[in-house]
Amino acid sequence: MVAGSNKGRRKSRKPMSAEDRAQAERDVRGAVSDFQDTAYGNLRAAIANVAIFFGFVGVFGIVVGAADGLRLLPMAALVLAGLVGAAYYPARQQWTTAVRLLVASSALVVIGLVGLVLVATVVET
């Protein structure tokens, strides 16, 4: 016996009928499908939460006064991204609407962040 091998300790399996094997396969497929649905739901919620977080950052920047002049537009895009991200939660049962809201909030976050970086480079030069 090879070291680390379980060959000698393995229990013999009882034979399965074709019906039992098909039922076991359906059970495994159902469990994997449920796991994927849960994982995708968590991913969509995380995307919405990131947009909401950047929306709070935008509101904070506007309220504190850090968003003046050119910085106001990217901050406004971040605030809008947060609002669209928050709109995901009531609409998450309607799949197409929810996905469109997530795409829009993600695009607004990217626009806001890129805008902030561009404004920061323009202001420094």
N, C-alpha and C. Protein backbone atom coordinates (compact mmCIF):
# COMPACT_ATOMS: atom_id res chain seq x y z
N MET A 1 0.84 -1.17 0.00
CA MET A 1 0.00 0.00 0.00
C MET A 1 0.89 1.24 0.00
N VAL A 2 0.55 2.22 -0.81
CA VAL A 2 1.29 3.47 -0.93
C VAL A 2 0.96 4.35 0.27
N ALA A 3 1.97 5.06 0.77
CA ALA A 3 1.75 5.95 1.91
C ALA A 3 0.77 7.05 1.52
N GLY A 4 -0.22 7.28 2.37
CA GLY A 4 -1.20 8.32 2.10
C GLY A 4 -2.37 7.84 1.26
N SER A 5 -2.34 6.61 0.86
CA SER A 5 -3.41 6.09 0.03
C SER A 5 -4.56 5.58 0.90
N ASN A 6 -5.75 5.76 0.44
CA ASN A 6 -6.93 5.28 1.16
C ASN A 6 -7.47 4.00 0.55
N LYS A 7 -6.70 3.37 -0.35
CA LYS A 7 -7.21 2.20 -1.04
C LYS A 7 -7.57 1.07 -0.09
N GLY A 8 -6.73 0.85 0.90
CA GLY A 8 -6.99 -0.25 1.81
C GLY A 8 -8.12 0.05 2.77
N ARG A 9 -8.41 1.30 3.06
CA ARG A 9 -9.42 1.67 4.05
C ARG A 9 -10.77 2.01 3.43
N ARG A 10 -10.84 2.06 2.13
CA ARG A 10 -12.08 2.46 1.47
C ARG A 10 -13.17 1.42 1.68
N LYS A 11 -14.34 1.89 2.04
CA LYS A 11 -15.48 1.00 2.20
C LYS A 11 -16.04 0.68 0.83
N SER A 12 -16.50 -0.51 0.68
CA SER A 12 -17.09 -0.86 -0.60
C SER A 12 -18.47 -0.21 -0.70
N ARG A 13 -18.77 0.27 -1.87
CA ARG A 13 -20.06 0.92 -2.08
C ARG A 13 -21.11 -0.12 -2.40
N LYS A 14 -22.30 0.15 -1.93
CA LYS A 14 -23.37 -0.76 -2.31
C LYS A 14 -23.84 -0.37 -3.70
N PRO A 15 -24.21 -1.31 -4.48
CA PRO A 15 -24.63 -1.00 -5.86
C PRO A 15 -25.92 -0.16 -5.85
N MET A 16 -25.97 0.79 -6.78
CA MET A 16 -27.14 1.65 -6.91
C MET A 16 -27.93 1.25 -8.14
N SER A 17 -29.21 1.33 -8.01
CA SER A 17 -30.05 1.07 -9.17
C SER A 17 -30.02 2.30 -10.08
N ALA A 18 -30.46 2.14 -11.28
CA ALA A 18 -30.46 3.26 -12.23
C ALA A 18 -31.39 4.37 -11.75
N GLU A 19 -32.48 4.03 -11.12
CA GLU A 19 -33.41 5.04 -10.61
C GLU A 19 -32.80 5.83 -9.46
N ASP A 20 -32.09 5.11 -8.56
CA ASP A 20 -31.43 5.79 -7.45
C ASP A 20 -30.33 6.71 -7.95
N ARG A 21 -29.59 6.25 -8.95
CA ARG A 21 -28.52 7.07 -9.52
C ARG A 21 -29.09 8.32 -10.18
N ALA A 22 -30.20 8.18 -10.90
CA ALA A 22 -30.83 9.33 -11.55
C ALA A 22 -31.36 10.31 -10.50
N GLN A 23 -31.93 9.79 -9.41
CA GLN A 23 -32.43 10.65 -8.34
C GLN A 23 -31.28 11.39 -7.66
N ALA A 24 -30.18 10.68 -7.42
CA ALA A 24 -29.01 11.32 -6.81
C ALA A 24 -28.45 12.41 -7.72
N GLU A 25 -28.45 12.16 -9.02
CA GLU A 25 -27.97 13.17 -9.97
C GLU A 25 -28.87 14.39 -9.96
N ARG A 26 -30.20 14.19 -9.90
CA ARG A 26 -31.12 15.32 -9.83
C ARG A 26 -30.93 16.10 -8.54
N ASP A 27 -30.69 15.40 -7.44
CA ASP A 27 -30.46 16.07 -6.16
C ASP A 27 -29.20 16.94 -6.20
N VAL A 28 -28.13 16.40 -6.78
CA VAL A 28 -26.88 17.16 -6.87
C VAL A 28 -27.06 18.36 -7.79
N ARG A 29 -27.71 18.16 -8.92
CA ARG A 29 -27.94 19.29 -9.84
C ARG A 29 -28.79 20.38 -9.18
N GLY A 30 -29.79 19.97 -8.42
CA GLY A 30 -30.63 20.95 -7.72
C GLY A 30 -29.84 21.72 -6.68
N ALA A 31 -28.96 21.02 -5.94
CA ALA A 31 -28.14 21.69 -4.93
C ALA A 31 -27.17 22.67 -5.57
N VAL A 32 -26.56 22.29 -6.69
CA VAL A 32 -25.63 23.18 -7.38
C VAL A 32 -26.38 24.39 -7.94
N SER A 33 -27.57 24.17 -8.47
CA SER A 33 -28.38 25.28 -8.99
C SER A 33 -28.76 26.25 -7.88
N ASP A 34 -29.16 25.73 -6.73
CA ASP A 34 -29.49 26.60 -5.59
C ASP A 34 -28.28 27.40 -5.14
N PHE A 35 -27.11 26.74 -5.12
CA PHE A 35 -25.88 27.41 -4.72
C PHE A 35 -25.53 28.54 -5.70
N GLN A 36 -25.68 28.28 -7.00
CA GLN A 36 -25.40 29.31 -8.00
C GLN A 36 -26.36 30.47 -7.88
N ASP A 37 -27.63 30.20 -7.66
CA ASP A 37 -28.61 31.28 -7.49
C ASP A 37 -28.26 32.15 -6.29
N THR A 38 -27.87 31.52 -5.20
CA THR A 38 -27.49 32.26 -4.00
C THR A 38 -26.23 33.09 -4.25
N ALA A 39 -25.25 32.50 -4.93
CA ALA A 39 -24.01 33.22 -5.21
C ALA A 39 -24.25 34.42 -6.11
N TYR A 40 -25.06 34.25 -7.16
CA TYR A 40 -25.35 35.37 -8.04
C TYR A 40 -26.16 36.45 -7.33
N GLY A 41 -27.06 36.05 -6.47
CA GLY A 41 -27.81 37.03 -5.68
C GLY A 41 -26.90 37.83 -4.77
N ASN A 42 -25.93 37.16 -4.16
CA ASN A 42 -24.97 37.86 -3.30
C ASN A 42 -24.09 38.81 -4.12
N LEU A 43 -23.71 38.40 -5.32
CA LEU A 43 -22.90 39.26 -6.18
C LEU A 43 -23.68 40.51 -6.58
N ARG A 44 -24.93 40.34 -6.94
CA ARG A 44 -25.75 41.50 -7.32
C ARG A 44 -25.94 42.45 -6.14
N ALA A 45 -26.15 41.90 -4.95
CA ALA A 45 -26.29 42.75 -3.76
C ALA A 45 -24.99 43.48 -3.46
N ALA A 46 -23.86 42.81 -3.66
CA ALA A 46 -22.56 43.47 -3.41
C ALA A 46 -22.34 44.61 -4.39
N ILE A 47 -22.72 44.43 -5.64
CA ILE A 47 -22.57 45.50 -6.63
C ILE A 47 -23.44 46.70 -6.24
N ALA A 48 -24.67 46.43 -5.82
CA ALA A 48 -25.55 47.52 -5.39
C ALA A 48 -24.99 48.22 -4.16
N ASN A 49 -24.42 47.45 -3.23
CA ASN A 49 -23.86 48.05 -2.01
C ASN A 49 -22.65 48.93 -2.30
N VAL A 50 -21.83 48.54 -3.27
CA VAL A 50 -20.68 49.38 -3.65
C VAL A 50 -21.17 50.71 -4.22
N ALA A 51 -22.20 50.65 -5.05
CA ALA A 51 -22.75 51.88 -5.62
C ALA A 51 -23.34 52.77 -4.52
N ILE A 52 -24.02 52.16 -3.56
CA ILE A 52 -24.59 52.93 -2.45
C ILE A 52 -23.48 53.57 -1.62
N PHE A 53 -22.39 52.82 -1.38
CA PHE A 53 -21.27 53.37 -0.63
C PHE A 53 -20.69 54.60 -1.33
N PHE A 54 -20.45 54.49 -2.64
CA PHE A 54 -19.90 55.64 -3.35
C PHE A 54 -20.91 56.79 -3.42
N GLY A 55 -22.20 56.47 -3.38
CA GLY A 55 -23.21 57.51 -3.29
C GLY A 55 -23.08 58.29 -1.99
N PHE A 56 -22.85 57.56 -0.89
CA PHE A 56 -22.62 58.23 0.40
C PHE A 56 -21.35 59.08 0.37
N VAL A 57 -20.32 58.57 -0.30
CA VAL A 57 -19.08 59.35 -0.42
C VAL A 57 -19.35 60.64 -1.19
N GLY A 58 -20.13 60.54 -2.26
CA GLY A 58 -20.48 61.73 -3.03
C GLY A 58 -21.28 62.73 -2.22
N VAL A 59 -22.27 62.25 -1.47
CA VAL A 59 -23.07 63.14 -0.63
C VAL A 59 -22.18 63.80 0.42
N PHE A 60 -21.29 63.02 1.03
CA PHE A 60 -20.39 63.56 2.04
C PHE A 60 -19.48 64.63 1.43
N GLY A 61 -18.95 64.37 0.24
CA GLY A 61 -18.09 65.36 -0.41
C GLY A 61 -18.82 66.64 -0.74
N ILE A 62 -20.06 66.52 -1.13
CA ILE A 62 -20.85 67.72 -1.46
C ILE A 62 -21.19 68.49 -0.20
N VAL A 63 -21.60 67.77 0.87
CA VAL A 63 -22.00 68.44 2.11
C VAL A 63 -20.82 69.12 2.78
N VAL A 64 -19.68 68.46 2.79
CA VAL A 64 -18.49 69.02 3.45
C VAL A 64 -17.93 70.21 2.66
N GLY A 65 -18.18 70.22 1.37
CA GLY A 65 -17.69 71.31 0.55
C GLY A 65 -16.47 70.95 -0.26
N ALA A 66 -16.11 69.67 -0.27
CA ALA A 66 -14.95 69.23 -1.06
C ALA A 66 -15.27 69.21 -2.55
N ALA A 67 -16.54 69.21 -2.89
CA ALA A 67 -16.95 69.15 -4.29
C ALA A 67 -17.33 70.55 -4.76
N ASP A 68 -16.35 71.28 -5.20
CA ASP A 68 -16.62 72.62 -5.72
C ASP A 68 -16.07 72.70 -7.14
N GLY A 69 -16.70 73.48 -7.94
CA GLY A 69 -16.23 73.67 -9.30
C GLY A 69 -16.35 72.40 -10.13
N LEU A 70 -15.22 71.96 -10.67
CA LEU A 70 -15.22 70.79 -11.55
C LEU A 70 -15.50 69.49 -10.81
N ARG A 71 -15.23 69.43 -9.53
CA ARG A 71 -15.45 68.20 -8.78
C ARG A 71 -16.94 67.93 -8.52
N LEU A 72 -17.77 68.90 -8.73
CA LEU A 72 -19.19 68.72 -8.44
C LEU A 72 -19.86 67.72 -9.38
N LEU A 73 -19.48 67.72 -10.65
CA LEU A 73 -20.10 66.80 -11.61
C LEU A 73 -19.80 65.34 -11.31
N PRO A 74 -18.53 64.95 -11.08
CA PRO A 74 -18.29 63.54 -10.73
C PRO A 74 -18.94 63.14 -9.40
N MET A 75 -18.97 64.05 -8.45
CA MET A 75 -19.63 63.75 -7.19
C MET A 75 -21.14 63.56 -7.39
N ALA A 76 -21.71 64.36 -8.25
CA ALA A 76 -23.14 64.20 -8.56
C ALA A 76 -23.40 62.85 -9.25
N ALA A 77 -22.46 62.43 -10.10
CA ALA A 77 -22.59 61.11 -10.74
C ALA A 77 -22.52 60.00 -9.69
N LEU A 78 -21.67 60.16 -8.68
CA LEU A 78 -21.59 59.17 -7.61
C LEU A 78 -22.87 59.14 -6.78
N VAL A 79 -23.43 60.31 -6.51
CA VAL A 79 -24.70 60.36 -5.76
C VAL A 79 -25.80 59.66 -6.56
N LEU A 80 -25.84 59.94 -7.85
CA LEU A 80 -26.84 59.28 -8.71
C LEU A 80 -26.61 57.78 -8.75
N ALA A 81 -25.36 57.35 -8.76
CA ALA A 81 -25.05 55.91 -8.74
C ALA A 81 -25.58 55.28 -7.45
N GLY A 82 -25.42 55.98 -6.35
CA GLY A 82 -25.95 55.47 -5.09
C GLY A 82 -27.46 55.34 -5.09
N LEU A 83 -28.13 56.32 -5.67
CA LEU A 83 -29.59 56.25 -5.75
C LEU A 83 -30.05 55.10 -6.64
N VAL A 84 -29.37 54.92 -7.77
CA VAL A 84 -29.73 53.82 -8.67
C VAL A 84 -29.41 52.48 -8.01
N GLY A 85 -28.29 52.42 -7.27
CA GLY A 85 -27.97 51.19 -6.55
C GLY A 85 -28.99 50.87 -5.48
N ALA A 86 -29.49 51.89 -4.81
CA ALA A 86 -30.53 51.67 -3.80
C ALA A 86 -31.85 51.25 -4.45
N ALA A 87 -32.09 51.69 -5.67
CA ALA A 87 -33.32 51.31 -6.37
C ALA A 87 -33.31 49.84 -6.78
N TYR A 88 -32.15 49.21 -6.72
CA TYR A 88 -32.06 47.78 -7.05
C TYR A 88 -32.89 46.93 -6.07
N TYR A 89 -32.84 47.27 -4.79
CA TYR A 89 -33.46 46.41 -3.79
C TYR A 89 -34.97 46.24 -3.96
N PRO A 90 -35.74 47.30 -4.22
CA PRO A 90 -37.18 47.05 -4.46
C PRO A 90 -37.46 46.32 -5.76
N ALA A 91 -36.52 46.41 -6.72
CA ALA A 91 -36.77 45.83 -8.04
C ALA A 91 -36.07 44.49 -8.24
N ARG A 92 -35.50 43.89 -7.21
CA ARG A 92 -34.69 42.69 -7.44
C ARG A 92 -35.50 41.46 -7.84
N GLN A 93 -36.81 41.47 -7.63
CA GLN A 93 -37.63 40.34 -8.08
C GLN A 93 -37.90 40.40 -9.58
N GLN A 94 -37.81 41.59 -10.16
CA GLN A 94 -37.96 41.75 -11.61
C GLN A 94 -36.55 41.72 -12.21
N TRP A 95 -36.17 40.57 -12.75
CA TRP A 95 -34.79 40.31 -13.10
C TRP A 95 -34.23 41.31 -14.11
N THR A 96 -34.93 41.59 -15.18
CA THR A 96 -34.38 42.48 -16.21
C THR A 96 -34.22 43.90 -15.69
N THR A 97 -35.18 44.37 -14.94
CA THR A 97 -35.08 45.71 -14.37
C THR A 97 -33.92 45.79 -13.38
N ALA A 98 -33.76 44.76 -12.57
CA ALA A 98 -32.68 44.74 -11.58
C ALA A 98 -31.32 44.75 -12.24
N VAL A 99 -31.16 43.96 -13.29
CA VAL A 99 -29.87 43.92 -13.99
C VAL A 99 -29.58 45.26 -14.66
N ARG A 100 -30.59 45.87 -15.23
CA ARG A 100 -30.38 47.18 -15.86
C ARG A 100 -30.00 48.23 -14.83
N LEU A 101 -30.61 48.17 -13.66
CA LEU A 101 -30.25 49.11 -12.59
C LEU A 101 -28.81 48.89 -12.14
N LEU A 102 -28.39 47.63 -12.04
CA LEU A 102 -27.01 47.35 -11.63
C LEU A 102 -26.01 47.81 -12.68
N VAL A 103 -26.33 47.62 -13.94
CA VAL A 103 -25.44 48.09 -15.01
C VAL A 103 -25.35 49.61 -14.99
N ALA A 104 -26.49 50.27 -14.82
CA ALA A 104 -26.49 51.73 -14.78
C ALA A 104 -25.72 52.26 -13.57
N SER A 105 -25.92 51.64 -12.41
CA SER A 105 -25.20 52.11 -11.21
C SER A 105 -23.71 51.86 -11.34
N SER A 106 -23.32 50.73 -11.91
CA SER A 106 -21.90 50.46 -12.12
C SER A 106 -21.28 51.45 -13.09
N ALA A 107 -22.00 51.76 -14.16
CA ALA A 107 -21.49 52.73 -15.14
C ALA A 107 -21.35 54.11 -14.51
N LEU A 108 -22.32 54.50 -13.69
CA LEU A 108 -22.23 55.81 -13.03
C LEU A 108 -21.09 55.87 -12.02
N VAL A 109 -20.83 54.77 -11.32
CA VAL A 109 -19.69 54.73 -10.40
C VAL A 109 -18.39 54.90 -11.18
N VAL A 110 -18.26 54.20 -12.29
CA VAL A 110 -17.04 54.31 -13.10
C VAL A 110 -16.90 55.72 -13.65
N ILE A 111 -17.99 56.29 -14.14
CA ILE A 111 -17.93 57.67 -14.66
C ILE A 111 -17.53 58.64 -13.57
N GLY A 112 -18.12 58.47 -12.38
CA GLY A 112 -17.79 59.37 -11.28
C GLY A 112 -16.34 59.25 -10.84
N LEU A 113 -15.84 58.02 -10.73
CA LEU A 113 -14.46 57.83 -10.29
C LEU A 113 -13.46 58.31 -11.33
N VAL A 114 -13.72 57.99 -12.59
CA VAL A 114 -12.84 58.47 -13.66
C VAL A 114 -12.88 60.00 -13.72
N GLY A 115 -14.06 60.56 -13.55
CA GLY A 115 -14.18 62.02 -13.54
C GLY A 115 -13.40 62.65 -12.41
N LEU A 116 -13.44 62.04 -11.23
CA LEU A 116 -12.66 62.57 -10.10
C LEU A 116 -11.16 62.50 -10.37
N VAL A 117 -10.72 61.40 -10.96
CA VAL A 117 -9.29 61.27 -11.28
C VAL A 117 -8.88 62.30 -12.32
N LEU A 118 -9.71 62.47 -13.34
CA LEU A 118 -9.39 63.45 -14.39
C LEU A 118 -9.38 64.87 -13.83
N VAL A 119 -10.34 65.19 -12.99
CA VAL A 119 -10.38 66.52 -12.39
C VAL A 119 -9.16 66.75 -11.49
N ALA A 120 -8.77 65.72 -10.77
CA ALA A 120 -7.60 65.86 -9.91
C ALA A 120 -6.33 66.10 -10.72
N THR A 121 -6.21 65.45 -11.88
CA THR A 121 -5.02 65.66 -12.70
C THR A 121 -5.06 67.03 -13.39
N VAL A 122 -6.26 67.50 -13.76
CA VAL A 122 -6.38 68.81 -14.42
C VAL A 122 -6.11 69.93 -13.40
N VAL A 123 -6.60 69.77 -12.19
CA VAL A 123 -6.42 70.80 -11.17
C VAL A 123 -4.95 70.91 -10.77
N GLU A 124 -4.23 69.79 -10.72
CA GLU A 124 -2.83 69.83 -10.31
C GLU A 124 -1.94 70.46 -11.36
N THR A 125 -2.29 70.33 -12.63
CA THR A 125 -1.42 70.87 -13.68
C THR A 125 -1.76 72.29 -14.02
